[in-house]
Amino acid sequence: RKVSISRFTRNFGTMLGAGVPILHALSIVGETSGNYVIEEALRRV
């Protein structure tokens, strides 16, 4: 769980800092989180 959250927050922060639109960033970080539960949660977010 901690690994997945670390991966999600790092990727999300990197993409937002690079100017990627927030909806697009949520879609990408969900796919790269490495866990289906977090991916589905971010899809609902």
PDB file of all heavy atoms in Angstrom:
ATOM      1  N   ARG A   1       0.833  -1.201   0.000  1.00  0.00           N
ATOM      2  CA  ARG A   1       0.000   0.000   0.000  1.00  0.00           C
ATOM      3  C   ARG A   1       0.876   1.263   0.000  1.00  0.00           C
ATOM      4  O   ARG A   1       0.629   2.205  -0.750  1.00  0.00           O
ATOM      5  CB  ARG A   1      -0.928  -0.001   1.219  1.00  0.00           C
ATOM      6  CG  ARG A   1      -1.885   1.184   1.268  1.00  0.00           C
ATOM      7  CD  ARG A   1      -2.684   1.148   2.564  1.00  0.00           C
ATOM      8  NE  ARG A   1      -3.511  -0.053   2.638  1.00  0.00           N
ATOM      9  CZ  ARG A   1      -4.750  -0.123   2.172  1.00  0.00           C
ATOM     10  NH1 ARG A   1      -5.310   0.931   1.609  1.00  0.00           N
ATOM     11  NH2 ARG A   1      -5.437  -1.244   2.280  1.00  0.00           N
ATOM     12  N   LYS A   2       1.893   1.269   0.840  1.00  0.00           N
ATOM     13  CA  LYS A   2       2.782   2.432   0.911  1.00  0.00           C
ATOM     14  C   LYS A   2       3.543   2.622  -0.408  1.00  0.00           C
ATOM     15  O   LYS A   2       3.752   3.763  -0.843  1.00  0.00           O
ATOM     16  CB  LYS A   2       3.771   2.266   2.071  1.00  0.00           C
ATOM     17  CG  LYS A   2       3.110   2.360   3.439  1.00  0.00           C
ATOM     18  CD  LYS A   2       4.077   2.011   4.560  1.00  0.00           C
ATOM     19  CE  LYS A   2       3.382   2.060   5.912  1.00  0.00           C
ATOM     20  NZ  LYS A   2       4.264   1.640   7.027  1.00  0.00           N
ATOM     21  N   VAL A   3       3.949   1.535  -1.025  1.00  0.00           N
ATOM     22  CA  VAL A   3       4.645   1.626  -2.312  1.00  0.00           C
ATOM     23  C   VAL A   3       3.732   2.242  -3.369  1.00  0.00           C
ATOM     24  O   VAL A   3       4.141   3.129  -4.136  1.00  0.00           O
ATOM     25  CB  VAL A   3       5.127   0.230  -2.759  1.00  0.00           C
ATOM     26  CG1 VAL A   3       5.579   0.260  -4.214  1.00  0.00           C
ATOM     27  CG2 VAL A   3       6.258  -0.245  -1.865  1.00  0.00           C
ATOM     28  N   SER A   4       2.486   1.784  -3.439  1.00  0.00           N
ATOM     29  CA  SER A   4       1.537   2.296  -4.436  1.00  0.00           C
ATOM     30  C   SER A   4       1.238   3.771  -4.211  1.00  0.00           C
ATOM     31  O   SER A   4       1.152   4.549  -5.175  1.00  0.00           O
ATOM     32  CB  SER A   4       0.241   1.481  -4.392  1.00  0.00           C
ATOM     33  OG  SER A   4       0.475   0.120  -4.710  1.00  0.00           O
ATOM     34  N   ILE A   5       1.076   4.183  -2.954  1.00  0.00           N
ATOM     35  CA  ILE A   5       0.789   5.592  -2.653  1.00  0.00           C
ATOM     36  C   ILE A   5       2.002   6.459  -2.986  1.00  0.00           C
ATOM     37  O   ILE A   5       1.861   7.561  -3.537  1.00  0.00           O
ATOM     38  CB  ILE A   5       0.384   5.751  -1.181  1.00  0.00           C
ATOM     39  CG1 ILE A   5      -0.964   5.069  -0.941  1.00  0.00           C
ATOM     40  CG2 ILE A   5       0.294   7.224  -0.800  1.00  0.00           C
ATOM     41  CD1 ILE A   5      -1.390   5.032   0.505  1.00  0.00           C
ATOM     42  N   SER A   6       3.190   5.978  -2.671  1.00  0.00           N
ATOM     43  CA  SER A   6       4.408   6.720  -3.009  1.00  0.00           C
ATOM     44  C   SER A   6       4.523   6.910  -4.513  1.00  0.00           C
ATOM     45  O   SER A   6       4.834   8.007  -4.997  1.00  0.00           O
ATOM     46  CB  SER A   6       5.634   5.978  -2.472  1.00  0.00           C
ATOM     47  OG  SER A   6       6.821   6.569  -2.937  1.00  0.00           O
ATOM     48  N   ARG A   7       4.262   5.849  -5.272  1.00  0.00           N
ATOM     49  CA  ARG A   7       4.347   5.920  -6.735  1.00  0.00           C
ATOM     50  C   ARG A   7       3.294   6.876  -7.294  1.00  0.00           C
ATOM     51  O   ARG A   7       3.593   7.689  -8.176  1.00  0.00           O
ATOM     52  CB  ARG A   7       4.169   4.513  -7.308  1.00  0.00           C
ATOM     53  CG  ARG A   7       4.345   4.409  -8.796  1.00  0.00           C
ATOM     54  CD  ARG A   7       4.246   2.963  -9.222  1.00  0.00           C
ATOM     55  NE  ARG A   7       5.401   2.200  -8.776  1.00  0.00           N
ATOM     56  CZ  ARG A   7       5.350   0.946  -8.344  1.00  0.00           C
ATOM     57  NH1 ARG A   7       4.189   0.323  -8.270  1.00  0.00           N
ATOM     58  NH2 ARG A   7       6.445   0.323  -7.973  1.00  0.00           N
ATOM     59  N   PHE A   8       2.083   6.804  -6.763  1.00  0.00           N
ATOM     60  CA  PHE A   8       1.002   7.676  -7.237  1.00  0.00           C
ATOM     61  C   PHE A   8       1.322   9.142  -6.981  1.00  0.00           C
ATOM     62  O   PHE A   8       1.216   9.991  -7.885  1.00  0.00           O
ATOM     63  CB  PHE A   8      -0.314   7.293  -6.554  1.00  0.00           C
ATOM     64  CG  PHE A   8      -1.281   8.420  -6.391  1.00  0.00           C
ATOM     65  CD1 PHE A   8      -1.833   9.069  -7.484  1.00  0.00           C
ATOM     66  CD2 PHE A   8      -1.648   8.862  -5.121  1.00  0.00           C
ATOM     67  CE1 PHE A   8      -2.721  10.123  -7.324  1.00  0.00           C
ATOM     68  CE2 PHE A   8      -2.525   9.905  -4.947  1.00  0.00           C
ATOM     69  CZ  PHE A   8      -3.058  10.547  -6.052  1.00  0.00           C
ATOM     70  N   THR A   9       1.716   9.485  -5.755  1.00  0.00           N
ATOM     71  CA  THR A   9       1.955  10.893  -5.419  1.00  0.00           C
ATOM     72  C   THR A   9       3.163  11.453  -6.170  1.00  0.00           C
ATOM     73  O   THR A   9       3.145  12.608  -6.609  1.00  0.00           O
ATOM     74  CB  THR A   9       2.153  11.056  -3.904  1.00  0.00           C
ATOM     75  OG1 THR A   9       3.132  10.120  -3.440  1.00  0.00           O
ATOM     76  CG2 THR A   9       0.844  10.800  -3.168  1.00  0.00           C
ATOM     77  N   ARG A  10       4.208  10.642  -6.340  1.00  0.00           N
ATOM     78  CA  ARG A  10       5.380  11.132  -7.060  1.00  0.00           C
ATOM     79  C   ARG A  10       5.046  11.405  -8.527  1.00  0.00           C
ATOM     80  O   ARG A  10       5.386  12.458  -9.076  1.00  0.00           O
ATOM     81  CB  ARG A  10       6.528  10.128  -6.969  1.00  0.00           C
ATOM     82  CG  ARG A  10       7.814  10.651  -7.635  1.00  0.00           C
ATOM     83  CD  ARG A  10       8.901   9.609  -7.760  1.00  0.00           C
ATOM     84  NE  ARG A  10       9.270   9.054  -6.474  1.00  0.00           N
ATOM     85  CZ  ARG A  10       8.950   7.836  -6.067  1.00  0.00           C
ATOM     86  NH1 ARG A  10       8.229   7.055  -6.864  1.00  0.00           N
ATOM     87  NH2 ARG A  10       9.317   7.391  -4.896  1.00  0.00           N
ATOM     88  N   ASN A  11       4.377  10.453  -9.168  1.00  0.00           N
ATOM     89  CA  ASN A  11       4.024  10.631 -10.582  1.00  0.00           C
ATOM     90  C   ASN A  11       3.036  11.776 -10.775  1.00  0.00           C
ATOM     91  O   ASN A  11       3.164  12.568 -11.718  1.00  0.00           O
ATOM     92  CB  ASN A  11       3.432   9.333 -11.138  1.00  0.00           C
ATOM     93  CG  ASN A  11       4.459   8.225 -11.244  1.00  0.00           C
ATOM     94  OD1 ASN A  11       5.663   8.474 -11.221  1.00  0.00           O
ATOM     95  ND2 ASN A  11       3.994   6.993 -11.355  1.00  0.00           N
ATOM     96  N   PHE A  12       2.053  11.872  -9.881  1.00  0.00           N
ATOM     97  CA  PHE A  12       1.043  12.932  -9.987  1.00  0.00           C
ATOM     98  C   PHE A  12       1.694  14.306  -9.824  1.00  0.00           C
ATOM     99  O   PHE A  12       1.429  15.239 -10.593  1.00  0.00           O
ATOM    100  CB  PHE A  12      -0.033  12.709  -8.924  1.00  0.00           C
ATOM    101  CG  PHE A  12      -1.287  13.504  -9.139  1.00  0.00           C
ATOM    102  CD1 PHE A  12      -1.665  13.936 -10.412  1.00  0.00           C
ATOM    103  CD2 PHE A  12      -2.113  13.831  -8.071  1.00  0.00           C
ATOM    104  CE1 PHE A  12      -2.833  14.662 -10.605  1.00  0.00           C
ATOM    105  CE2 PHE A  12      -3.273  14.552  -8.252  1.00  0.00           C
ATOM    106  CZ  PHE A  12      -3.630  14.979  -9.527  1.00  0.00           C
ATOM    107  N   GLY A  13       2.571  14.434  -8.818  1.00  0.00           N
ATOM    108  CA  GLY A  13       3.255  15.705  -8.607  1.00  0.00           C
ATOM    109  C   GLY A  13       4.154  16.075  -9.767  1.00  0.00           C
ATOM    110  O   GLY A  13       4.229  17.251 -10.167  1.00  0.00           O
ATOM    111  N   THR A  14       4.852  15.096 -10.336  1.00  0.00           N
ATOM    112  CA  THR A  14       5.738  15.361 -11.472  1.00  0.00           C
ATOM    113  C   THR A  14       4.957  15.857 -12.675  1.00  0.00           C
ATOM    114  O   THR A  14       5.356  16.816 -13.351  1.00  0.00           O
ATOM    115  CB  THR A  14       6.517  14.089 -11.845  1.00  0.00           C
ATOM    116  OG1 THR A  14       7.282  13.651 -10.714  1.00  0.00           O
ATOM    117  CG2 THR A  14       7.466  14.352 -13.000  1.00  0.00           C
ATOM    118  N   MET A  15       3.816  15.233 -12.946  1.00  0.00           N
ATOM    119  CA  MET A  15       3.022  15.609 -14.121  1.00  0.00           C
ATOM    120  C   MET A  15       2.375  16.981 -13.933  1.00  0.00           C
ATOM    121  O   MET A  15       2.343  17.790 -14.866  1.00  0.00           O
ATOM    122  CB  MET A  15       1.961  14.546 -14.399  1.00  0.00           C
ATOM    123  CG  MET A  15       2.539  13.181 -14.726  1.00  0.00           C
ATOM    124  SD  MET A  15       1.374  12.069 -15.536  1.00  0.00           S
ATOM    125  CE  MET A  15       1.382  12.705 -17.202  1.00  0.00           C
ATOM    126  N   LEU A  16       1.878  17.263 -12.729  1.00  0.00           N
ATOM    127  CA  LEU A  16       1.303  18.589 -12.487  1.00  0.00           C
ATOM    128  C   LEU A  16       2.374  19.671 -12.575  1.00  0.00           C
ATOM    129  O   LEU A  16       2.130  20.758 -13.115  1.00  0.00           O
ATOM    130  CB  LEU A  16       0.627  18.626 -11.114  1.00  0.00           C
ATOM    131  CG  LEU A  16      -0.640  17.782 -10.943  1.00  0.00           C
ATOM    132  CD1 LEU A  16      -1.200  17.944  -9.532  1.00  0.00           C
ATOM    133  CD2 LEU A  16      -1.703  18.162 -11.966  1.00  0.00           C
ATOM    134  N   GLY A  17       3.568  19.382 -12.052  1.00  0.00           N
ATOM    135  CA  GLY A  17       4.655  20.346 -12.126  1.00  0.00           C
ATOM    136  C   GLY A  17       5.105  20.612 -13.546  1.00  0.00           C
ATOM    137  O   GLY A  17       5.621  21.701 -13.841  1.00  0.00           O
ATOM    138  N   ALA A  18       4.914  19.632 -14.441  1.00  0.00           N
ATOM    139  CA  ALA A  18       5.293  19.802 -15.844  1.00  0.00           C
ATOM    140  C   ALA A  18       4.192  20.453 -16.673  1.00  0.00           C
ATOM    141  O   ALA A  18       4.376  20.663 -17.876  1.00  0.00           O
ATOM    142  CB  ALA A  18       5.663  18.451 -16.448  1.00  0.00           C
ATOM    143  N   GLY A  19       3.049  20.756 -16.033  1.00  0.00           N
ATOM    144  CA  GLY A  19       1.978  21.438 -16.754  1.00  0.00           C
ATOM    145  C   GLY A  19       0.975  20.538 -17.436  1.00  0.00           C
ATOM    146  O   GLY A  19       0.189  21.003 -18.266  1.00  0.00           O
ATOM    147  N   VAL A  20       0.986  19.248 -17.109  1.00  0.00           N
ATOM    148  CA  VAL A  20       0.009  18.326 -17.695  1.00  0.00           C
ATOM    149  C   VAL A  20      -1.359  18.614 -17.075  1.00  0.00           C
ATOM    150  O   VAL A  20      -1.467  18.772 -15.853  1.00  0.00           O
ATOM    151  CB  VAL A  20       0.418  16.860 -17.444  1.00  0.00           C
ATOM    152  CG1 VAL A  20      -0.622  15.899 -18.005  1.00  0.00           C
ATOM    153  CG2 VAL A  20       1.787  16.574 -18.051  1.00  0.00           C
ATOM    154  N   PRO A  21      -2.431  18.711 -17.878  1.00  0.00           N
ATOM    155  CA  PRO A  21      -3.773  18.947 -17.321  1.00  0.00           C
ATOM    156  C   PRO A  21      -4.138  17.900 -16.273  1.00  0.00           C
ATOM    157  O   PRO A  21      -3.770  16.732 -16.392  1.00  0.00           O
ATOM    158  CB  PRO A  21      -4.688  18.848 -18.547  1.00  0.00           C
ATOM    159  CG  PRO A  21      -3.806  19.176 -19.703  1.00  0.00           C
ATOM    160  CD  PRO A  21      -2.444  18.669 -19.347  1.00  0.00           C
ATOM    161  N   ILE A  22      -4.867  18.320 -15.247  1.00  0.00           N
ATOM    162  CA  ILE A  22      -5.092  17.474 -14.080  1.00  0.00           C
ATOM    163  C   ILE A  22      -5.864  16.196 -14.423  1.00  0.00           C
ATOM    164  O   ILE A  22      -5.563  15.123 -13.898  1.00  0.00           O
ATOM    165  CB  ILE A  22      -5.810  18.280 -12.969  1.00  0.00           C
ATOM    166  CG1 ILE A  22      -5.788  17.503 -11.654  1.00  0.00           C
ATOM    167  CG2 ILE A  22      -7.222  18.662 -13.375  1.00  0.00           C
ATOM    168  CD1 ILE A  22      -6.181  18.342 -10.459  1.00  0.00           C
ATOM    169  N   LEU A  23      -6.851  16.284 -15.312  1.00  0.00           N
ATOM    170  CA  LEU A  23      -7.613  15.090 -15.692  1.00  0.00           C
ATOM    171  C   LEU A  23      -6.733  14.095 -16.450  1.00  0.00           C
ATOM    172  O   LEU A  23      -6.809  12.884 -16.232  1.00  0.00           O
ATOM    173  CB  LEU A  23      -8.825  15.484 -16.530  1.00  0.00           C
ATOM    174  CG  LEU A  23      -9.980  16.145 -15.768  1.00  0.00           C
ATOM    175  CD1 LEU A  23     -11.049  16.633 -16.738  1.00  0.00           C
ATOM    176  CD2 LEU A  23     -10.592  15.152 -14.779  1.00  0.00           C
ATOM    177  N   HIS A  24      -5.912  14.645 -17.329  1.00  0.00           N
ATOM    178  CA  HIS A  24      -4.998  13.789 -18.080  1.00  0.00           C
ATOM    179  C   HIS A  24      -3.993  13.149 -17.133  1.00  0.00           C
ATOM    180  O   HIS A  24      -3.660  11.961 -17.260  1.00  0.00           O
ATOM    181  CB  HIS A  24      -4.281  14.635 -19.139  1.00  0.00           C
ATOM    182  CG  HIS A  24      -3.727  13.826 -20.260  1.00  0.00           C
ATOM    183  ND1 HIS A  24      -3.146  14.366 -21.378  1.00  0.00           N
ATOM    184  CD2 HIS A  24      -3.653  12.480 -20.438  1.00  0.00           C
ATOM    185  CE1 HIS A  24      -2.738  13.419 -22.180  1.00  0.00           C
ATOM    186  NE2 HIS A  24      -3.042  12.260 -21.639  1.00  0.00           N
ATOM    187  N   ALA A  25      -3.500  13.922 -16.156  1.00  0.00           N
ATOM    188  CA  ALA A  25      -2.532  13.409 -15.192  1.00  0.00           C
ATOM    189  C   ALA A  25      -3.133  12.298 -14.341  1.00  0.00           C
ATOM    190  O   ALA A  25      -2.479  11.280 -14.074  1.00  0.00           O
ATOM    191  CB  ALA A  25      -2.031  14.541 -14.301  1.00  0.00           C
ATOM    192  N   LEU A  26      -4.377  12.454 -13.906  1.00  0.00           N
ATOM    193  CA  LEU A  26      -5.033  11.425 -13.100  1.00  0.00           C
ATOM    194  C   LEU A  26      -5.167  10.119 -13.871  1.00  0.00           C
ATOM    195  O   LEU A  26      -5.000   9.031 -13.306  1.00  0.00           O
ATOM    196  CB  LEU A  26      -6.413  11.909 -12.653  1.00  0.00           C
ATOM    197  CG  LEU A  26      -6.441  12.911 -11.500  1.00  0.00           C
ATOM    198  CD1 LEU A  26      -7.837  13.498 -11.335  1.00  0.00           C
ATOM    199  CD2 LEU A  26      -5.982  12.250 -10.199  1.00  0.00           C
ATOM    200  N   SER A  27      -5.455  10.224 -15.156  1.00  0.00           N
ATOM    201  CA  SER A  27      -5.580   9.016 -15.972  1.00  0.00           C
ATOM    202  C   SER A  27      -4.242   8.296 -16.095  1.00  0.00           C
ATOM    203  O   SER A  27      -4.179   7.062 -15.960  1.00  0.00           O
ATOM    204  CB  SER A  27      -6.100   9.389 -17.368  1.00  0.00           C
ATOM    205  OG  SER A  27      -6.096   8.270 -18.228  1.00  0.00           O
ATOM    206  N   ILE A  28      -3.178   9.053 -16.321  1.00  0.00           N
ATOM    207  CA  ILE A  28      -1.859   8.438 -16.503  1.00  0.00           C
ATOM    208  C   ILE A  28      -1.342   7.846 -15.198  1.00  0.00           C
ATOM    209  O   ILE A  28      -0.846   6.713 -15.168  1.00  0.00           O
ATOM    210  CB  ILE A  28      -0.861   9.472 -17.052  1.00  0.00           C
ATOM    211  CG1 ILE A  28      -1.329   9.987 -18.415  1.00  0.00           C
ATOM    212  CG2 ILE A  28       0.529   8.853 -17.177  1.00  0.00           C
ATOM    213  CD1 ILE A  28      -1.497   8.919 -19.463  1.00  0.00           C
ATOM    214  N   VAL A  29      -1.443   8.583 -14.091  1.00  0.00           N
ATOM    215  CA  VAL A  29      -0.899   8.081 -12.818  1.00  0.00           C
ATOM    216  C   VAL A  29      -1.690   6.885 -12.319  1.00  0.00           C
ATOM    217  O   VAL A  29      -1.151   6.030 -11.597  1.00  0.00           O
ATOM    218  CB  VAL A  29      -0.854   9.185 -11.741  1.00  0.00           C
ATOM    219  CG1 VAL A  29       0.057  10.305 -12.164  1.00  0.00           C
ATOM    220  CG2 VAL A  29      -2.232   9.711 -11.413  1.00  0.00           C
ATOM    221  N   GLY A  30      -2.963   6.798 -12.686  1.00  0.00           N
ATOM    222  CA  GLY A  30      -3.735   5.612 -12.335  1.00  0.00           C
ATOM    223  C   GLY A  30      -3.180   4.374 -13.018  1.00  0.00           C
ATOM    224  O   GLY A  30      -3.034   3.313 -12.400  1.00  0.00           O
ATOM    225  N   GLU A  31      -2.817   4.524 -14.294  1.00  0.00           N
ATOM    226  CA  GLU A  31      -2.270   3.390 -15.044  1.00  0.00           C
ATOM    227  C   GLU A  31      -0.879   2.999 -14.554  1.00  0.00           C
ATOM    228  O   GLU A  31      -0.489   1.836 -14.635  1.00  0.00           O
ATOM    229  CB  GLU A  31      -2.204   3.746 -16.531  1.00  0.00           C
ATOM    230  CG  GLU A  31      -3.574   3.979 -17.174  1.00  0.00           C
ATOM    231  CD  GLU A  31      -3.460   4.467 -18.599  1.00  0.00           C
ATOM    232  OE1 GLU A  31      -2.315   4.576 -19.089  1.00  0.00           O
ATOM    233  OE2 GLU A  31      -4.493   4.767 -19.225  1.00  0.00           O
ATOM    234  N   THR A  32      -0.114   3.982 -14.044  1.00  0.00           N
ATOM    235  CA  THR A  32       1.259   3.707 -13.612  1.00  0.00           C
ATOM    236  C   THR A  32       1.376   3.441 -12.111  1.00  0.00           C
ATOM    237  O   THR A  32       2.486   3.270 -11.608  1.00  0.00           O
ATOM    238  CB  THR A  32       2.176   4.899 -13.966  1.00  0.00           C
ATOM    239  OG1 THR A  32       1.667   6.089 -13.350  1.00  0.00           O
ATOM    240  CG2 THR A  32       2.235   5.103 -15.467  1.00  0.00           C
ATOM    241  N   SER A  33       0.248   3.402 -11.400  1.00  0.00           N
ATOM    242  CA  SER A  33       0.301   3.195  -9.949  1.00  0.00           C
ATOM    243  C   SER A  33       0.734   1.782  -9.586  1.00  0.00           C
ATOM    244  O   SER A  33       1.239   1.540  -8.491  1.00  0.00           O
ATOM    245  CB  SER A  33      -1.064   3.489  -9.313  1.00  0.00           C
ATOM    246  OG  SER A  33      -2.038   2.567  -9.769  1.00  0.00           O
ATOM    247  N   GLY A  34       0.494   0.827 -10.483  1.00  0.00           N
ATOM    248  CA  GLY A  34       0.894  -0.551 -10.231  1.00  0.00           C
ATOM    249  C   GLY A  34      -0.103  -1.352  -9.433  1.00  0.00           C
ATOM    250  O   GLY A  34       0.177  -2.493  -9.064  1.00  0.00           O
ATOM    251  N   ASN A  35      -1.296  -0.769  -9.153  1.00  0.00           N
ATOM    252  CA  ASN A  35      -2.305  -1.500  -8.398  1.00  0.00           C
ATOM    253  C   ASN A  35      -3.696  -1.164  -8.935  1.00  0.00           C
ATOM    254  O   ASN A  35      -4.036   0.006  -9.105  1.00  0.00           O
ATOM    255  CB  ASN A  35      -2.218  -1.162  -6.911  1.00  0.00           C
ATOM    256  CG  ASN A  35      -3.047  -2.103  -6.052  1.00  0.00           C
ATOM    257  OD1 ASN A  35      -4.250  -1.941  -5.909  1.00  0.00           O
ATOM    258  ND2 ASN A  35      -2.385  -3.101  -5.467  1.00  0.00           N
ATOM    259  N   TYR A  36      -4.483  -2.200  -9.177  1.00  0.00           N
ATOM    260  CA  TYR A  36      -5.806  -2.025  -9.775  1.00  0.00           C
ATOM    261  C   TYR A  36      -6.742  -1.246  -8.864  1.00  0.00           C
ATOM    262  O   TYR A  36      -7.570  -0.459  -9.332  1.00  0.00           O
ATOM    263  CB  TYR A  36      -6.404  -3.396 -10.094  1.00  0.00           C
ATOM    264  CG  TYR A  36      -7.748  -3.336 -10.791  1.00  0.00           C
ATOM    265  CD1 TYR A  36      -7.822  -3.113 -12.167  1.00  0.00           C
ATOM    266  CD2 TYR A  36      -8.934  -3.505 -10.080  1.00  0.00           C
ATOM    267  CE1 TYR A  36      -9.050  -3.064 -12.803  1.00  0.00           C
ATOM    268  CE2 TYR A  36     -10.157  -3.449 -10.717  1.00  0.00           C
ATOM    269  CZ  TYR A  36     -10.210  -3.229 -12.076  1.00  0.00           C
ATOM    270  OH  TYR A  36     -11.430  -3.173 -12.700  1.00  0.00           O
ATOM    271  N   VAL A  37      -6.619  -1.439  -7.536  1.00  0.00           N
ATOM    272  CA  VAL A  37      -7.494  -0.744  -6.591  1.00  0.00           C
ATOM    273  C   VAL A  37      -7.295   0.768  -6.682  1.00  0.00           C
ATOM    274  O   VAL A  37      -8.256   1.542  -6.747  1.00  0.00           O
ATOM    275  CB  VAL A  37      -7.226  -1.243  -5.159  1.00  0.00           C
ATOM    276  CG1 VAL A  37      -8.070  -0.469  -4.162  1.00  0.00           C
ATOM    277  CG2 VAL A  37      -7.511  -2.735  -5.047  1.00  0.00           C
ATOM    278  N   ILE A  38      -6.041   1.198  -6.694  1.00  0.00           N
ATOM    279  CA  ILE A  38      -5.739   2.632  -6.788  1.00  0.00           C
ATOM    280  C   ILE A  38      -6.114   3.171  -8.164  1.00  0.00           C
ATOM    281  O   ILE A  38      -6.608   4.303  -8.285  1.00  0.00           O
ATOM    282  CB  ILE A  38      -4.252   2.878  -6.478  1.00  0.00           C
ATOM    283  CG1 ILE A  38      -3.998   2.604  -4.995  1.00  0.00           C
ATOM    284  CG2 ILE A  38      -3.826   4.298  -6.841  1.00  0.00           C
ATOM    285  CD1 ILE A  38      -2.579   2.833  -4.547  1.00  0.00           C
ATOM    286  N   GLU A  39      -5.911   2.381  -9.206  1.00  0.00           N
ATOM    287  CA  GLU A  39      -6.281   2.809 -10.551  1.00  0.00           C
ATOM    288  C   GLU A  39      -7.790   3.074 -10.646  1.00  0.00           C
ATOM    289  O   GLU A  39      -8.219   4.089 -11.204  1.00  0.00           O
ATOM    290  CB  GLU A  39      -5.868   1.738 -11.566  1.00  0.00           C
ATOM    291  CG  GLU A  39      -6.159   2.111 -13.008  1.00  0.00           C
ATOM    292  CD  GLU A  39      -5.687   1.045 -13.976  1.00  0.00           C
ATOM    293  OE1 GLU A  39      -4.843   0.215 -13.586  1.00  0.00           O
ATOM    294  OE2 GLU A  39      -6.156   1.040 -15.132  1.00  0.00           O
ATOM    295  N   GLU A  40      -8.604   2.163 -10.094  1.00  0.00           N
ATOM    296  CA  GLU A  40     -10.056   2.360 -10.115  1.00  0.00           C
ATOM    297  C   GLU A  40     -10.461   3.547  -9.248  1.00  0.00           C
ATOM    298  O   GLU A  40     -11.368   4.316  -9.609  1.00  0.00           O
ATOM    299  CB  GLU A  40     -10.752   1.088  -9.619  1.00  0.00           C
ATOM    300  CG  GLU A  40     -10.745  -0.044 -10.627  1.00  0.00           C
ATOM    301  CD  GLU A  40     -11.540   0.312 -11.873  1.00  0.00           C
ATOM    302  OE1 GLU A  40     -12.748   0.588 -11.746  1.00  0.00           O
ATOM    303  OE2 GLU A  40     -10.951   0.328 -12.964  1.00  0.00           O
ATOM    304  N   ALA A  41      -9.799   3.729  -8.098  1.00  0.00           N
ATOM    305  CA  ALA A  41     -10.107   4.861  -7.228  1.00  0.00           C
ATOM    306  C   ALA A  41      -9.814   6.181  -7.935  1.00  0.00           C
ATOM    307  O   ALA A  41     -10.625   7.123  -7.874  1.00  0.00           O
ATOM    308  CB  ALA A  41      -9.304   4.750  -5.937  1.00  0.00           C
ATOM    309  N   LEU A  42      -8.698   6.262  -8.626  1.00  0.00           N
ATOM    310  CA  LEU A  42      -8.340   7.491  -9.340  1.00  0.00           C
ATOM    311  C   LEU A  42      -9.245   7.728 -10.536  1.00  0.00           C
ATOM    312  O   LEU A  42      -9.479   8.885 -10.922  1.00  0.00           O
ATOM    313  CB  LEU A  42      -6.880   7.426  -9.789  1.00  0.00           C
ATOM    314  CG  LEU A  42      -5.850   7.473  -8.651  1.00  0.00           C
ATOM    315  CD1 LEU A  42      -4.440   7.317  -9.191  1.00  0.00           C
ATOM    316  CD2 LEU A  42      -5.973   8.781  -7.882  1.00  0.00           C
ATOM    317  N   ARG A  43      -9.782   6.663 -11.106  1.00  0.00           N
ATOM    318  CA  ARG A  43     -10.742   6.841 -12.200  1.00  0.00           C
ATOM    319  C   ARG A  43     -12.029   7.491 -11.680  1.00  0.00           C
ATOM    320  O   ARG A  43     -12.600   8.369 -12.324  1.00  0.00           O
ATOM    321  CB  ARG A  43     -11.039   5.482 -12.839  1.00  0.00           C
ATOM    322  CG  ARG A  43     -11.845   5.582 -14.135  1.00  0.00           C
ATOM    323  CD  ARG A  43     -11.957   4.232 -14.817  1.00  0.00           C
ATOM    324  NE  ARG A  43     -10.666   3.821 -15.367  1.00  0.00           N
ATOM    325  CZ  ARG A  43     -10.079   2.661 -15.134  1.00  0.00           C
ATOM    326  NH1 ARG A  43     -10.663   1.791 -14.343  1.00  0.00           N
ATOM    327  NH2 ARG A  43      -8.924   2.358 -15.685  1.00  0.00           N
ATOM    328  N   ARG A  44     -12.447   7.071 -10.482  1.00  0.00           N
ATOM    329  CA  ARG A  44     -13.631   7.699  -9.881  1.00  0.00           C
ATOM    330  C   ARG A  44     -13.336   9.144  -9.467  1.00  0.00           C
ATOM    331  O   ARG A  44     -14.198  10.026  -9.587  1.00  0.00           O
ATOM    332  CB  ARG A  44     -14.084   6.874  -8.664  1.00  0.00           C
ATOM    333  CG  ARG A  44     -14.663   5.517  -9.030  1.00  0.00           C
ATOM    334  CD  ARG A  44     -15.292   4.835  -7.823  1.00  0.00           C
ATOM    335  NE  ARG A  44     -14.295   4.431  -6.835  1.00  0.00           N
ATOM    336  CZ  ARG A  44     -13.700   3.239  -6.843  1.00  0.00           C
ATOM    337  NH1 ARG A  44     -13.999   2.341  -7.768  1.00  0.00           N
ATOM    338  NH2 ARG A  44     -12.816   2.934  -5.906  1.00  0.00           N
ATOM    339  N   VAL A  45     -12.116   9.391  -8.976  1.00  0.00           N
ATOM    340  CA  VAL A  45     -11.725  10.763  -8.633  1.00  0.00           C
ATOM    341  C   VAL A  45     -11.743  11.646  -9.873  1.00  0.00           C
ATOM    342  O   VAL A  45     -12.225  12.788  -9.834  1.00  0.00           O
ATOM    343  CB  VAL A  45     -10.323  10.766  -7.980  1.00  0.00           C
ATOM    344  CG1 VAL A  45      -9.810  12.192  -7.831  1.00  0.00           C
ATOM    345  CG2 VAL A  45     -10.364  10.073  -6.621  1.00  0.00           C
TER     346      VAL A  45
END
